[in-house]
Amino acid sequence: MIRRILTHSGPAHCDEFLAVSLLLLKHPQAVVERVPELSADEVDEDTIVVDIGRRYDGVRFFDHHQDIDIPSSFFLVLRDVYGISLEDLPSDFVYVDVADRMGHRHAAATVGQARRSLAEKALLKVFMSHTTIKPQDPLHEVMKAVGKNILAILDEYQQAKKTRFIETPLGFIAVTETPLSIALIEDAHPDKSIIGVIMPSRDGGTLLAKVRDSPFFNPAATSYPKKFVHATKFAAVVDLPINHVDPLRIAIECVSS
């Protein structure tokens, strides 16, 4: 049984935070310790080491700093503990890997994201304020929930690959019977210029939304009865469930130059 997960102290990064969160999902009774250094006598059979120690074996040691060709600790845990291929992942995942190994500027240039979110900075600040995180601590529960939702995002990404599309002269309209992240739909279909989405809304209606503020898709133009229209016309909610609307009719009404 794994009883301890060791990672580095000092400035906290998404890499080790997410790696440890995934490991806590597998080992919910483990205590997390953030240490400045790692000595050989600290590492016994009930310990996993993350992002420190300059050792990688894919079982109990998950550091990458000793070899530029080794992926980030987050990626190592995804691959070696959960059996997830690193060849096809959402861009947010790739950003974490590239930013940790090569820096945020390089990640922004290669993956296309510009900056870390405020929520990320705040959560990492909480993580950084702890030296020991025990199973009864609130942060321990939060990290397990984060690990669970990392896997849920990967499941959603696989669902996004099944999205169907209506092709128009000005771009594609994504249609899904399951509420999905628009960003994940874009990640799953990089070959398509997506201008709008049609999917179930959280209140049982049908959500119509622009993608990347496209000027070619106007959700408010639908003739279906609307119960909500965003002030910027970015989105509208039709007062009918998605199986009671015709996506082609919506595309004809809402797509224009």
C-alpha atoms as a PDB file:
ATOM      1  CA  MET A   1       0.000   0.000   0.000  1.00  0.00           C
ATOM      2  CA  ILE A   2       1.276   3.453  -0.900  1.00  0.00           C
ATOM      3  CA  ARG A   3       1.278   5.610   2.226  1.00  0.00           C
ATOM      4  CA  ARG A   4       3.379   8.594   1.125  1.00  0.00           C
ATOM      5  CA  ILE A   5       3.701  10.712  -1.995  1.00  0.00           C
ATOM      6  CA  LEU A   6       6.737  12.988  -2.028  1.00  0.00           C
ATOM      7  CA  THR A   7       7.108  16.022  -4.259  1.00  0.00           C
ATOM      8  CA  HIS A   8       9.191  19.192  -4.139  1.00  0.00           C
ATOM      9  CA  SER A   9       8.558  22.189  -1.939  1.00  0.00           C
ATOM     10  CA  GLY A  10       9.015  25.788  -3.013  1.00  0.00           C
ATOM     11  CA  PRO A  11       7.133  27.215  -6.025  1.00  0.00           C
ATOM     12  CA  ALA A  12       4.272  24.940  -7.076  1.00  0.00           C
ATOM     13  CA  HIS A  13       3.457  24.078 -10.679  1.00  0.00           C
ATOM     14  CA  CYS A  14       0.550  22.459 -12.471  1.00  0.00           C
ATOM     15  CA  ASP A  15       2.800  19.541 -13.392  1.00  0.00           C
ATOM     16  CA  GLU A  16       3.362  18.049  -9.936  1.00  0.00           C
ATOM     17  CA  PHE A  17      -0.007  19.273  -8.610  1.00  0.00           C
ATOM     18  CA  LEU A  18      -1.909  17.338 -11.291  1.00  0.00           C
ATOM     19  CA  ALA A  19       0.410  14.319 -11.089  1.00  0.00           C
ATOM     20  CA  VAL A  20      -0.067  14.065  -7.327  1.00  0.00           C
ATOM     21  CA  SER A  21      -3.836  14.604  -7.667  1.00  0.00           C
ATOM     22  CA  LEU A  22      -4.061  11.658 -10.065  1.00  0.00           C
ATOM     23  CA  LEU A  23      -1.984   9.503  -7.732  1.00  0.00           C
ATOM     24  CA  LEU A  24      -4.216  10.381  -4.759  1.00  0.00           C
ATOM     25  CA  LEU A  25      -7.153   9.067  -6.750  1.00  0.00           C
ATOM     26  CA  LYS A  26      -5.336   5.701  -6.882  1.00  0.00           C
ATOM     27  CA  HIS A  27      -3.988   5.911  -3.328  1.00  0.00           C
ATOM     28  CA  PRO A  28      -6.570   7.888  -1.307  1.00  0.00           C
ATOM     29  CA  GLN A  29      -4.927   7.140   2.060  1.00  0.00           C
ATOM     30  CA  ALA A  30      -1.517   8.482   1.052  1.00  0.00           C
ATOM     31  CA  VAL A  31      -0.038  11.526   2.797  1.00  0.00           C
ATOM     32  CA  VAL A  32       1.485  14.135   0.488  1.00  0.00           C
ATOM     33  CA  GLU A  33       4.766  15.656   1.630  1.00  0.00           C
ATOM     34  CA  ARG A  34       6.419  18.617  -0.087  1.00  0.00           C
ATOM     35  CA  VAL A  35      10.142  18.398   0.663  1.00  0.00           C
ATOM     36  CA  PRO A  36      13.114  20.609  -0.310  1.00  0.00           C
ATOM     37  CA  GLU A  37      15.435  17.678  -0.981  1.00  0.00           C
ATOM     38  CA  LEU A  38      15.241  13.922  -1.284  1.00  0.00           C
ATOM     39  CA  SER A  39      17.547  11.454   0.427  1.00  0.00           C
ATOM     40  CA  ALA A  40      17.724   7.750  -0.327  1.00  0.00           C
ATOM     41  CA  ASP A  41      16.550   6.719   3.152  1.00  0.00           C
ATOM     42  CA  GLU A  42      13.278   8.631   2.671  1.00  0.00           C
ATOM     43  CA  VAL A  43      12.156   6.374  -0.167  1.00  0.00           C
ATOM     44  CA  ASP A  44      10.809   3.005   0.914  1.00  0.00           C
ATOM     45  CA  GLU A  45       8.349   0.605  -0.674  1.00  0.00           C
ATOM     46  CA  ASP A  46       5.274   2.510   0.455  1.00  0.00           C
ATOM     47  CA  THR A  47       6.431   5.794  -1.144  1.00  0.00           C
ATOM     48  CA  ILE A  48       5.951   7.358  -4.579  1.00  0.00           C
ATOM     49  CA  VAL A  49       8.222  10.218  -5.651  1.00  0.00           C
ATOM     50  CA  VAL A  50       6.960  12.904  -8.048  1.00  0.00           C
ATOM     51  CA  ASP A  51       8.926  15.646  -9.819  1.00  0.00           C
ATOM     52  CA  ILE A  52      11.955  15.397  -7.547  1.00  0.00           C
ATOM     53  CA  GLY A  53      14.935  13.076  -7.135  1.00  0.00           C
ATOM     54  CA  ARG A  54      16.095  12.861 -10.782  1.00  0.00           C
ATOM     55  CA  ARG A  55      14.855   9.300 -11.137  1.00  0.00           C
ATOM     56  CA  TYR A  56      12.180   7.713 -13.294  1.00  0.00           C
ATOM     57  CA  ASP A  57      11.069   4.086 -13.395  1.00  0.00           C
ATOM     58  CA  GLY A  58       7.345   4.366 -14.213  1.00  0.00           C
ATOM     59  CA  VAL A  59       6.367   2.639 -10.957  1.00  0.00           C
ATOM     60  CA  ARG A  60       7.399   4.677  -7.913  1.00  0.00           C
ATOM     61  CA  PHE A  61       9.666   7.348  -9.339  1.00  0.00           C
ATOM     62  CA  PHE A  62       8.223  10.016 -11.636  1.00  0.00           C
ATOM     63  CA  ASP A  63      10.809  12.732 -12.181  1.00  0.00           C
ATOM     64  CA  HIS A  64      11.831  14.092 -15.580  1.00  0.00           C
ATOM     65  CA  HIS A  65      14.421  16.782 -14.879  1.00  0.00           C
ATOM     66  CA  GLN A  66      17.367  14.506 -15.618  1.00  0.00           C
ATOM     67  CA  ASP A  67      16.433  13.920 -19.269  1.00  0.00           C
ATOM     68  CA  ILE A  68      14.903  16.408 -21.713  1.00  0.00           C
ATOM     69  CA  ASP A  69      13.285  13.556 -23.643  1.00  0.00           C
ATOM     70  CA  ILE A  70      11.227  12.389 -20.644  1.00  0.00           C
ATOM     71  CA  PRO A  71       7.731  13.954 -20.516  1.00  0.00           C
ATOM     72  CA  SER A  72       6.530  15.941 -17.523  1.00  0.00           C
ATOM     73  CA  SER A  73       5.582  14.133 -14.321  1.00  0.00           C
ATOM     74  CA  PHE A  74       1.902  14.753 -15.092  1.00  0.00           C
ATOM     75  CA  PHE A  75       2.279  12.978 -18.427  1.00  0.00           C
ATOM     76  CA  LEU A  76       4.288  10.149 -16.865  1.00  0.00           C
ATOM     77  CA  VAL A  77       1.512   9.424 -14.372  1.00  0.00           C
ATOM     78  CA  LEU A  78      -1.145   9.582 -17.097  1.00  0.00           C
ATOM     79  CA  ARG A  79       0.803   7.101 -19.218  1.00  0.00           C
ATOM     80  CA  ASP A  80       2.360   4.753 -16.691  1.00  0.00           C
ATOM     81  CA  VAL A  81      -0.301   4.660 -13.971  1.00  0.00           C
ATOM     82  CA  TYR A  82      -3.471   5.115 -16.032  1.00  0.00           C
ATOM     83  CA  GLY A  83      -2.361   3.666 -19.384  1.00  0.00           C
ATOM     84  CA  ILE A  84      -3.358   6.778 -21.339  1.00  0.00           C
ATOM     85  CA  SER A  85      -1.652   7.427 -24.659  1.00  0.00           C
ATOM     86  CA  LEU A  86       0.200  10.726 -24.842  1.00  0.00           C
ATOM     87  CA  GLU A  87      -0.196  10.929 -28.618  1.00  0.00           C
ATOM     88  CA  ASP A  88      -3.680  12.454 -28.656  1.00  0.00           C
ATOM     89  CA  LEU A  89      -4.546  14.734 -25.741  1.00  0.00           C
ATOM     90  CA  PRO A  90      -6.420  18.042 -25.386  1.00  0.00           C
ATOM     91  CA  SER A  91      -4.313  21.169 -25.812  1.00  0.00           C
ATOM     92  CA  ASP A  92      -4.663  22.128 -22.129  1.00  0.00           C
ATOM     93  CA  PHE A  93      -2.875  18.893 -21.209  1.00  0.00           C
ATOM     94  CA  VAL A  94      -0.143  19.486 -23.766  1.00  0.00           C
ATOM     95  CA  TYR A  95       0.327  23.033 -22.474  1.00  0.00           C
ATOM     96  CA  VAL A  96       1.050  21.753 -18.942  1.00  0.00           C
ATOM     97  CA  ASP A  97       3.685  19.369 -20.281  1.00  0.00           C
ATOM     98  CA  VAL A  98       5.430  21.875 -22.561  1.00  0.00           C
ATOM     99  CA  ALA A  99       5.273  24.737 -20.046  1.00  0.00           C
ATOM    100  CA  ASP A 100       6.836  22.649 -17.299  1.00  0.00           C
ATOM    101  CA  ARG A 101       9.675  21.346 -19.447  1.00  0.00           C
ATOM    102  CA  MET A 102      10.368  24.372 -21.633  1.00  0.00           C
ATOM    103  CA  GLY A 103       8.591  27.348 -20.096  1.00  0.00           C
ATOM    104  CA  HIS A 104       5.307  29.188 -20.581  1.00  0.00           C
ATOM    105  CA  ARG A 105       6.582  31.327 -23.453  1.00  0.00           C
ATOM    106  CA  HIS A 106       7.501  28.233 -25.458  1.00  0.00           C
ATOM    107  CA  ALA A 107       4.191  26.605 -24.558  1.00  0.00           C
ATOM    108  CA  ALA A 108       2.246  29.672 -25.674  1.00  0.00           C
ATOM    109  CA  ALA A 109       4.125  29.674 -28.979  1.00  0.00           C
ATOM    110  CA  THR A 110       3.642  25.972 -29.692  1.00  0.00           C
ATOM    111  CA  VAL A 111       0.242  25.231 -28.138  1.00  0.00           C
ATOM    112  CA  GLY A 112      -1.358  28.629 -28.619  1.00  0.00           C
ATOM    113  CA  GLN A 113      -2.340  29.628 -25.098  1.00  0.00           C
ATOM    114  CA  ALA A 114      -1.148  32.894 -23.697  1.00  0.00           C
ATOM    115  CA  ARG A 115      -1.364  32.843 -19.896  1.00  0.00           C
ATOM    116  CA  ARG A 116      -2.285  30.894 -16.812  1.00  0.00           C
ATOM    117  CA  SER A 117      -5.758  31.426 -15.386  1.00  0.00           C
ATOM    118  CA  LEU A 118      -6.419  33.198 -12.097  1.00  0.00           C
ATOM    119  CA  ALA A 119      -8.041  30.021 -10.735  1.00  0.00           C
ATOM    120  CA  GLU A 120      -4.865  28.058 -11.480  1.00  0.00           C
ATOM    121  CA  LYS A 121      -2.669  30.604  -9.737  1.00  0.00           C
ATOM    122  CA  ALA A 122      -4.916  30.674  -6.660  1.00  0.00           C
ATOM    123  CA  LEU A 123      -5.115  26.884  -6.373  1.00  0.00           C
ATOM    124  CA  LEU A 124      -1.359  26.473  -6.719  1.00  0.00           C
ATOM    125  CA  LYS A 125      -0.871  29.111  -4.031  1.00  0.00           C
ATOM    126  CA  VAL A 126      -3.007  27.011  -1.662  1.00  0.00           C
ATOM    127  CA  PHE A 127      -0.986  23.903  -2.556  1.00  0.00           C
ATOM    128  CA  MET A 128       2.281  25.782  -2.036  1.00  0.00           C
ATOM    129  CA  SER A 129       1.217  26.856   1.471  1.00  0.00           C
ATOM    130  CA  HIS A 130       1.239  23.235   2.693  1.00  0.00           C
ATOM    131  CA  THR A 131       4.193  21.048   3.589  1.00  0.00           C
ATOM    132  CA  THR A 132       2.061  18.020   4.518  1.00  0.00           C
ATOM    133  CA  ILE A 133      -1.392  17.128   3.173  1.00  0.00           C
ATOM    134  CA  LYS A 134      -3.169  14.363   5.075  1.00  0.00           C
ATOM    135  CA  PRO A 135      -6.303  12.391   4.117  1.00  0.00           C
ATOM    136  CA  GLN A 136      -8.456  14.348   6.574  1.00  0.00           C
ATOM    137  CA  ASP A 137      -7.344  17.707   5.195  1.00  0.00           C
ATOM    138  CA  PRO A 138      -9.744  19.621   2.889  1.00  0.00           C
ATOM    139  CA  LEU A 139      -7.010  20.081   0.267  1.00  0.00           C
ATOM    140  CA  HIS A 140      -6.527  16.310   0.132  1.00  0.00           C
ATOM    141  CA  GLU A 141     -10.186  15.929  -0.844  1.00  0.00           C
ATOM    142  CA  VAL A 142      -9.919  18.753  -3.372  1.00  0.00           C
ATOM    143  CA  MET A 143      -6.903  17.137  -5.019  1.00  0.00           C
ATOM    144  CA  LYS A 144      -8.652  13.779  -5.327  1.00  0.00           C
ATOM    145  CA  ALA A 145     -11.588  15.591  -6.943  1.00  0.00           C
ATOM    146  CA  VAL A 146      -9.158  17.293  -9.327  1.00  0.00           C
ATOM    147  CA  GLY A 147      -7.674  13.913 -10.268  1.00  0.00           C
ATOM    148  CA  LYS A 148     -11.148  12.518 -10.895  1.00  0.00           C
ATOM    149  CA  ASN A 149     -12.059  15.451 -13.098  1.00  0.00           C
ATOM    150  CA  ILE A 150      -8.842  15.238 -15.100  1.00  0.00           C
ATOM    151  CA  LEU A 151      -9.973  11.762 -16.151  1.00  0.00           C
ATOM    152  CA  ALA A 152     -13.509  13.061 -16.750  1.00  0.00           C
ATOM    153  CA  ILE A 153     -12.120  15.698 -19.128  1.00  0.00           C
ATOM    154  CA  LEU A 154     -10.343  12.958 -21.071  1.00  0.00           C
ATOM    155  CA  ASP A 155     -13.633  11.047 -21.309  1.00  0.00           C
ATOM    156  CA  GLU A 156     -15.342  14.204 -22.559  1.00  0.00           C
ATOM    157  CA  TYR A 157     -12.592  14.637 -25.129  1.00  0.00           C
ATOM    158  CA  GLN A 158     -13.332  11.157 -26.472  1.00  0.00           C
ATOM    159  CA  GLN A 159     -17.029  12.049 -26.646  1.00  0.00           C
ATOM    160  CA  ALA A 160     -16.133  15.252 -28.490  1.00  0.00           C
ATOM    161  CA  LYS A 161     -14.552  13.172 -31.230  1.00  0.00           C
ATOM    162  CA  LYS A 162     -18.021  11.784 -31.997  1.00  0.00           C
ATOM    163  CA  THR A 163     -19.493  15.236 -32.632  1.00  0.00           C
ATOM    164  CA  ARG A 164     -21.361  15.522 -35.914  1.00  0.00           C
ATOM    165  CA  PHE A 165     -21.205  18.604 -38.106  1.00  0.00           C
ATOM    166  CA  ILE A 166     -23.262  20.603 -40.526  1.00  0.00           C
ATOM    167  CA  GLU A 167     -21.008  22.068 -43.201  1.00  0.00           C
ATOM    168  CA  THR A 168     -21.843  25.540 -44.479  1.00  0.00           C
ATOM    169  CA  PRO A 169     -19.990  27.782 -46.951  1.00  0.00           C
ATOM    170  CA  LEU A 170     -18.732  29.851 -43.996  1.00  0.00           C
ATOM    171  CA  GLY A 171     -17.697  27.085 -41.621  1.00  0.00           C
ATOM    172  CA  PHE A 172     -18.937  24.108 -39.612  1.00  0.00           C
ATOM    173  CA  ILE A 173     -21.737  23.912 -37.045  1.00  0.00           C
ATOM    174  CA  ALA A 174     -21.045  21.294 -34.346  1.00  0.00           C
ATOM    175  CA  VAL A 175     -24.065  19.322 -33.152  1.00  0.00           C
ATOM    176  CA  THR A 176     -23.925  17.147 -30.047  1.00  0.00           C
ATOM    177  CA  GLU A 177     -26.653  15.520 -27.967  1.00  0.00           C
ATOM    178  CA  THR A 178     -24.408  15.778 -24.889  1.00  0.00           C
ATOM    179  CA  PRO A 179     -23.238  19.059 -23.324  1.00  0.00           C
ATOM    180  CA  LEU A 180     -19.523  19.346 -24.110  1.00  0.00           C
ATOM    181  CA  SER A 181     -16.743  21.881 -23.755  1.00  0.00           C
ATOM    182  CA  ILE A 182     -16.463  23.909 -26.950  1.00  0.00           C
ATOM    183  CA  ALA A 183     -12.692  23.974 -26.515  1.00  0.00           C
ATOM    184  CA  LEU A 184     -12.613  20.165 -26.424  1.00  0.00           C
ATOM    185  CA  ILE A 185     -14.720  19.959 -29.586  1.00  0.00           C
ATOM    186  CA  GLU A 186     -12.201  22.216 -31.308  1.00  0.00           C
ATOM    187  CA  ASP A 187      -9.304  20.149 -29.972  1.00  0.00           C
ATOM    188  CA  ALA A 188     -10.903  16.937 -31.202  1.00  0.00           C
ATOM    189  CA  HIS A 189     -11.463  18.347 -34.716  1.00  0.00           C
ATOM    190  CA  PRO A 190      -8.497  20.589 -35.597  1.00  0.00           C
ATOM    191  CA  ASP A 191      -9.223  20.152 -39.312  1.00  0.00           C
ATOM    192  CA  LYS A 192     -12.568  21.980 -39.108  1.00  0.00           C
ATOM    193  CA  SER A 193     -13.239  25.694 -38.907  1.00  0.00           C
ATOM    194  CA  ILE A 194     -16.063  25.626 -36.365  1.00  0.00           C
ATOM    195  CA  ILE A 195     -18.200  28.754 -36.171  1.00  0.00           C
ATOM    196  CA  GLY A 196     -21.041  27.575 -33.920  1.00  0.00           C
ATOM    197  CA  VAL A 197     -22.394  24.809 -31.719  1.00  0.00           C
ATOM    198  CA  ILE A 198     -25.794  23.315 -31.020  1.00  0.00           C
ATOM    199  CA  MET A 199     -26.091  21.251 -27.837  1.00  0.00           C
ATOM    200  CA  PRO A 200     -28.383  20.687 -24.828  1.00  0.00           C
ATOM    201  CA  SER A 201     -28.515  23.568 -22.358  1.00  0.00           C
ATOM    202  CA  ARG A 202     -28.274  23.058 -18.603  1.00  0.00           C
ATOM    203  CA  ASP A 203     -31.980  23.801 -18.138  1.00  0.00           C
ATOM    204  CA  GLY A 204     -33.320  21.274 -20.653  1.00  0.00           C
ATOM    205  CA  GLY A 205     -33.460  23.550 -23.668  1.00  0.00           C
ATOM    206  CA  THR A 206     -31.054  23.808 -26.588  1.00  0.00           C
ATOM    207  CA  LEU A 207     -27.993  26.037 -26.501  1.00  0.00           C
ATOM    208  CA  LEU A 208     -26.811  27.828 -29.640  1.00  0.00           C
ATOM    209  CA  ALA A 209     -23.418  29.508 -29.274  1.00  0.00           C
ATOM    210  CA  LYS A 210     -20.771  31.178 -31.377  1.00  0.00           C
ATOM    211  CA  VAL A 211     -17.274  29.718 -31.458  1.00  0.00           C
ATOM    212  CA  ARG A 212     -14.388  32.190 -31.099  1.00  0.00           C
ATOM    213  CA  ASP A 213     -16.849  35.036 -31.559  1.00  0.00           C
ATOM    214  CA  SER A 214     -17.404  34.088 -35.192  1.00  0.00           C
ATOM    215  CA  PRO A 215     -19.203  36.821 -37.158  1.00  0.00           C
ATOM    216  CA  PHE A 216     -20.813  34.153 -39.350  1.00  0.00           C
ATOM    217  CA  PHE A 217     -23.057  32.525 -36.715  1.00  0.00           C
ATOM    218  CA  ASN A 218     -25.831  34.516 -35.035  1.00  0.00           C
ATOM    219  CA  PRO A 219     -27.662  32.374 -32.424  1.00  0.00           C
ATOM    220  CA  ALA A 220     -30.332  35.022 -31.894  1.00  0.00           C
ATOM    221  CA  ALA A 221     -31.466  34.714 -35.526  1.00  0.00           C
ATOM    222  CA  THR A 222     -33.209  31.380 -35.004  1.00  0.00           C
ATOM    223  CA  SER A 223     -36.990  31.415 -35.378  1.00  0.00           C
ATOM    224  CA  TYR A 224     -37.388  28.834 -32.623  1.00  0.00           C
ATOM    225  CA  PRO A 225     -38.851  30.267 -29.381  1.00  0.00           C
ATOM    226  CA  LYS A 226     -36.007  31.597 -27.257  1.00  0.00           C
ATOM    227  CA  LYS A 227     -35.991  31.817 -23.469  1.00  0.00           C
ATOM    228  CA  PHE A 228     -32.604  33.502 -23.267  1.00  0.00           C
ATOM    229  CA  VAL A 229     -30.419  35.626 -25.516  1.00  0.00           C
ATOM    230  CA  HIS A 230     -27.052  36.846 -24.286  1.00  0.00           C
ATOM    231  CA  ALA A 231     -26.703  40.627 -24.380  1.00  0.00           C
ATOM    232  CA  THR A 232     -23.799  40.324 -26.822  1.00  0.00           C
ATOM    233  CA  LYS A 233     -25.720  37.839 -28.994  1.00  0.00           C
ATOM    234  CA  PHE A 234     -22.937  35.357 -28.251  1.00  0.00           C
ATOM    235  CA  ALA A 235     -25.446  32.662 -27.240  1.00  0.00           C
ATOM    236  CA  ALA A 236     -29.132  31.879 -27.177  1.00  0.00           C
ATOM    237  CA  VAL A 237     -31.200  29.160 -25.522  1.00  0.00           C
ATOM    238  CA  VAL A 238     -34.133  27.698 -27.411  1.00  0.00           C
ATOM    239  CA  ASP A 239     -37.100  26.690 -25.274  1.00  0.00           C
ATOM    240  CA  LEU A 240     -37.154  23.164 -26.715  1.00  0.00           C
ATOM    241  CA  PRO A 241     -34.978  20.096 -26.038  1.00  0.00           C
ATOM    242  CA  ILE A 242     -32.402  19.270 -28.668  1.00  0.00           C
ATOM    243  CA  ASN A 243     -34.369  16.295 -30.004  1.00  0.00           C
ATOM    244  CA  HIS A 244     -37.222  18.700 -30.831  1.00  0.00           C
ATOM    245  CA  VAL A 245     -35.225  21.078 -33.007  1.00  0.00           C
ATOM    246  CA  ASP A 246     -33.865  20.745 -36.536  1.00  0.00           C
ATOM    247  CA  PRO A 247     -30.154  21.638 -36.553  1.00  0.00           C
ATOM    248  CA  LEU A 248     -30.228  22.160 -40.319  1.00  0.00           C
ATOM    249  CA  ARG A 249     -33.003  24.747 -39.950  1.00  0.00           C
ATOM    250  CA  ILE A 250     -30.938  26.517 -37.280  1.00  0.00           C
ATOM    251  CA  ALA A 251     -27.891  26.522 -39.554  1.00  0.00           C
ATOM    252  CA  ILE A 252     -29.903  28.004 -42.442  1.00  0.00           C
ATOM    253  CA  GLU A 253     -31.356  30.736 -40.221  1.00  0.00           C
ATOM    254  CA  CYS A 254     -28.281  31.600 -38.159  1.00  0.00           C
ATOM    255  CA  VAL A 255     -25.374  31.378 -40.603  1.00  0.00           C
ATOM    256  CA  SER A 256     -24.769  34.462 -42.696  1.00  0.00           C
ATOM    257  CA  SER A 257     -21.976  36.777 -43.745  1.00  0.00           C
END
